[in-house]
Amino acid sequence: MQELLAKLTSSEVEDVSLRKSNRLHSLFYRHTSRARTTDDKVALFITATAFGARKFVPVAKELGGFSRTAIWIIDSFWTDASLREKTLIDRHFDIVAYMQSYDDEFYRKLFGDRALRLEWGSDALNLGTANAVREIDLLRIGRQPTDWEDDYVTAQACAKSGIAFRGRPPMLSAVEDFPELMRSHYSRTKFVLANSNIAAPAPYTHPTKAYMTGRWTDALACGATVVGVPPEGDTALLDWPEALLKLRNLNRLDGLIQIEAALKSWTPATPARNHMGALRQLDWRWRFSKLLNALEISAPRLDSEIIELQNRILQIQTLAS
């Protein structure tokens, strides 16, 4: 997402994460089309949680100050951090972007008109596909509840049901691995198994709020249907029927019965509908456009790719019909 944003907005990037931090803190800044003076610089600070706002101040001073600023909080469901950093954020940011619709009331109450929801997305235009040839029936991705955690056991159970199963892909070690993950795994798969953080908890996930991640959006961009216990309350954008196959429970054998039935009704039009839905609802470019409009700046390359996105949607509609 960050690489795409930098490219489409012709931004300079300051990776603050390298400054003695293992969390996400990246500063994007650019000059507007007016004279290239300090007053014309606009900044976007991307951070894992609102606590990262503290890193913005010294870097902003070092770079000479900005006329307009925005902070994009990726793990914005940690609202306690946003509440504790309210004074600092009020002082330094004109726009406060957050990710989940169920936190609308919290962020609007805390930051008023400066609050801007920018949901999770995917590069559906460049990395997505409507490919109809898919030899993998079920691909396991990420954390799983106990019944689904052992890929060997799941593979044996799938084999008995005639389901072509693929276990967890290799762990990603670099940004360059993401396109390969989408091309070699998601794009060859009919159903991607991805349970919510509530169904498959971990010490670093929120204990009560379920949220979508790139596992869902990237899979859908590549035409795969997501199967599992979804993050209820955070899937409003997935407004087409092929997007999700909701499992009734976390029992593996029960789930495989549902998946086996769904495979019988799967058609080559399903990936087209999922890809089209992702282009329409999940592409990062829609988020970028909303953010830039709030900052009152333009990006010709982004505008051009929004038109390309709209044209692609029209093309895919023919395949999906």
Foldseek 3Di string as FASTA:
>chain_A
DVVVLCVQFVWDKDFCCVVPHVWGWIKTKDFFPPPPDQARIEIEIETQELVCLVVVVVVCVVVPHYNAYEYAHENCVPVVSCVVCLVSCVVHHQAYEYAFPVCVVVCCVSPNPRYDYQHAFDQLVPQADLDLAAPAAEEEEDFAAPQPHDQVVLCVLCVVLVHRYDYYDDDDDDPVCVSVCLVVPLLRYAEYEDEWCCRGPDPPDDPPATEDHVVLRSSLSHLHAYEEAHRPRGCPLVPDDLNYDYQPDRHSVSRSVSSSVVVVVDGSLRSLVSNLSSLVRHRSLVSSVVVCVSVVGDRVSSVVVNVVSVVVSVVSVVSND
